[in-house]
Amino acid sequence: IDPYFMLGLGLATIDASGPNMTYPANSSVLAWQIGIGAGFRASKHIMVDAGLRYFKPSSYTVNSTKITSASTNLLMGLQYYF
């Protein structure tokens, strides 16, 4: 078992649209993420990966309304080693 920790910082593009909006909004905001996970060796060449990531972009304004968002994601992966 190979545990891991992830941390990231960057830009996210937020595309907001809906039926009650005067105009659609598109904003680039600062975002960060943090996560943990582990890889489980299934064979000599294959590793199965499972992790959990929390993603949080900065708040932004649409039609004079401040909007905040975040997401928690379950990640699954398969790695092949040559």
C-alpha atoms as a PDB file:
ATOM      1  CA  ILE A   1       0.000   0.000   0.000  1.00  0.00           C
ATOM      2  CA  ASP A   2       1.378   3.419  -1.026  1.00  0.00           C
ATOM      3  CA  PRO A   3      -0.417   6.330   0.731  1.00  0.00           C
ATOM      4  CA  TYR A   4      -0.241   9.844  -0.726  1.00  0.00           C
ATOM      5  CA  PHE A   5      -1.169  13.427   0.092  1.00  0.00           C
ATOM      6  CA  MET A   6      -2.008  16.089  -2.517  1.00  0.00           C
ATOM      7  CA  LEU A   7      -2.106  19.867  -2.335  1.00  0.00           C
ATOM      8  CA  GLY A   8      -2.718  22.233  -5.234  1.00  0.00           C
ATOM      9  CA  LEU A   9      -3.099  25.925  -6.009  1.00  0.00           C
ATOM     10  CA  GLY A  10      -4.104  27.468  -9.334  1.00  0.00           C
ATOM     11  CA  LEU A  11      -6.778  29.165 -11.435  1.00  0.00           C
ATOM     12  CA  ALA A  12     -10.287  27.857 -12.121  1.00  0.00           C
ATOM     13  CA  THR A  13     -12.696  29.106 -14.780  1.00  0.00           C
ATOM     14  CA  ILE A  14     -16.265  29.307 -13.478  1.00  0.00           C
ATOM     15  CA  ASP A  15     -19.087  29.339 -16.036  1.00  0.00           C
ATOM     16  CA  ALA A  16     -22.398  30.374 -14.459  1.00  0.00           C
ATOM     17  CA  SER A  17     -25.661  30.427 -16.397  1.00  0.00           C
ATOM     18  CA  GLY A  18     -29.319  29.877 -15.637  1.00  0.00           C
ATOM     19  CA  PRO A  19     -32.885  30.849 -16.544  1.00  0.00           C
ATOM     20  CA  ASN A  20     -33.124  33.729 -14.015  1.00  0.00           C
ATOM     21  CA  MET A  21     -29.788  35.344 -14.879  1.00  0.00           C
ATOM     22  CA  THR A  22     -29.667  38.642 -16.745  1.00  0.00           C
ATOM     23  CA  TYR A  23     -26.500  37.497 -18.517  1.00  0.00           C
ATOM     24  CA  PRO A  24     -24.235  34.447 -18.234  1.00  0.00           C
ATOM     25  CA  ALA A  25     -21.045  34.967 -16.221  1.00  0.00           C
ATOM     26  CA  ASN A  26     -17.604  33.569 -16.854  1.00  0.00           C
ATOM     27  CA  SER A  27     -14.903  34.249 -14.238  1.00  0.00           C
ATOM     28  CA  SER A  28     -11.366  33.066 -13.588  1.00  0.00           C
ATOM     29  CA  VAL A  29     -10.700  32.758  -9.849  1.00  0.00           C
ATOM     30  CA  LEU A  30      -7.976  31.478  -7.558  1.00  0.00           C
ATOM     31  CA  ALA A  31      -8.645  27.896  -6.405  1.00  0.00           C
ATOM     32  CA  TRP A  32      -7.027  25.347  -4.102  1.00  0.00           C
ATOM     33  CA  GLN A  33      -7.405  21.643  -3.408  1.00  0.00           C
ATOM     34  CA  ILE A  34      -6.283  19.130  -0.828  1.00  0.00           C
ATOM     35  CA  GLY A  35      -6.586  15.357  -0.806  1.00  0.00           C
ATOM     36  CA  ILE A  36      -5.483  11.987   0.483  1.00  0.00           C
ATOM     37  CA  GLY A  37      -5.433   8.526  -0.993  1.00  0.00           C
ATOM     38  CA  ALA A  38      -3.616   5.243  -1.386  1.00  0.00           C
ATOM     39  CA  GLY A  39      -2.425   2.982  -4.150  1.00  0.00           C
ATOM     40  CA  PHE A  40      -2.833  -0.786  -3.834  1.00  0.00           C
ATOM     41  CA  ARG A  41      -0.510  -2.972  -5.892  1.00  0.00           C
ATOM     42  CA  ALA A  42      -2.668  -5.572  -7.697  1.00  0.00           C
ATOM     43  CA  SER A  43       0.235  -7.186  -9.583  1.00  0.00           C
ATOM     44  CA  LYS A  44       3.809  -6.462 -10.642  1.00  0.00           C
ATOM     45  CA  HIS A  45       2.602  -4.010 -13.327  1.00  0.00           C
ATOM     46  CA  ILE A  46      -0.791  -2.772 -12.053  1.00  0.00           C
ATOM     47  CA  MET A  47      -1.688  -0.435  -9.185  1.00  0.00           C
ATOM     48  CA  VAL A  48      -5.274   0.481  -8.199  1.00  0.00           C
ATOM     49  CA  ASP A  49      -5.614   3.965  -6.744  1.00  0.00           C
ATOM     50  CA  ALA A  50      -8.375   5.434  -4.519  1.00  0.00           C
ATOM     51  CA  GLY A  51      -8.459   8.955  -3.105  1.00  0.00           C
ATOM     52  CA  LEU A  52     -10.594  11.795  -1.792  1.00  0.00           C
ATOM     53  CA  ARG A  53     -10.136  15.427  -2.920  1.00  0.00           C
ATOM     54  CA  TYR A  54     -11.661  18.684  -1.606  1.00  0.00           C
ATOM     55  CA  PHE A  55     -11.725  21.514  -4.194  1.00  0.00           C
ATOM     56  CA  LYS A  56     -12.479  25.152  -3.263  1.00  0.00           C
ATOM     57  CA  PRO A  57     -12.472  28.079  -5.734  1.00  0.00           C
ATOM     58  CA  SER A  58     -12.559  31.667  -4.424  1.00  0.00           C
ATOM     59  CA  SER A  59     -15.940  33.390  -4.270  1.00  0.00           C
ATOM     60  CA  TYR A  60     -17.082  35.463  -7.258  1.00  0.00           C
ATOM     61  CA  THR A  61     -19.922  37.876  -8.067  1.00  0.00           C
ATOM     62  CA  VAL A  62     -22.722  37.342 -10.607  1.00  0.00           C
ATOM     63  CA  ASN A  63     -25.508  39.935 -11.045  1.00  0.00           C
ATOM     64  CA  SER A  64     -24.464  41.623  -7.742  1.00  0.00           C
ATOM     65  CA  THR A  65     -24.736  38.280  -5.909  1.00  0.00           C
ATOM     66  CA  LYS A  66     -21.690  36.802  -4.178  1.00  0.00           C
ATOM     67  CA  ILE A  67     -21.366  33.088  -4.985  1.00  0.00           C
ATOM     68  CA  THR A  68     -19.226  30.515  -3.200  1.00  0.00           C
ATOM     69  CA  SER A  69     -18.776  26.906  -4.186  1.00  0.00           C
ATOM     70  CA  ALA A  70     -16.796  23.796  -3.258  1.00  0.00           C
ATOM     71  CA  SER A  71     -16.755  20.114  -4.111  1.00  0.00           C
ATOM     72  CA  THR A  72     -15.582  16.846  -2.620  1.00  0.00           C
ATOM     73  CA  ASN A  73     -14.565  14.205  -5.164  1.00  0.00           C
ATOM     74  CA  LEU A  74     -13.935  10.485  -4.898  1.00  0.00           C
ATOM     75  CA  LEU A  75     -11.121   9.526  -7.271  1.00  0.00           C
ATOM     76  CA  MET A  76     -10.420   6.045  -8.639  1.00  0.00           C
ATOM     77  CA  GLY A  77      -7.497   5.203 -10.866  1.00  0.00           C
ATOM     78  CA  LEU A  78      -5.611   2.385 -12.509  1.00  0.00           C
ATOM     79  CA  GLN A  79      -1.872   2.640 -13.185  1.00  0.00           C
ATOM     80  CA  TYR A  80       0.170   0.385 -15.413  1.00  0.00           C
ATOM     81  CA  TYR A  81       3.949   0.162 -14.913  1.00  0.00           C
ATOM     82  CA  PHE A  82       6.131  -0.898 -17.859  1.00  0.00           C
END
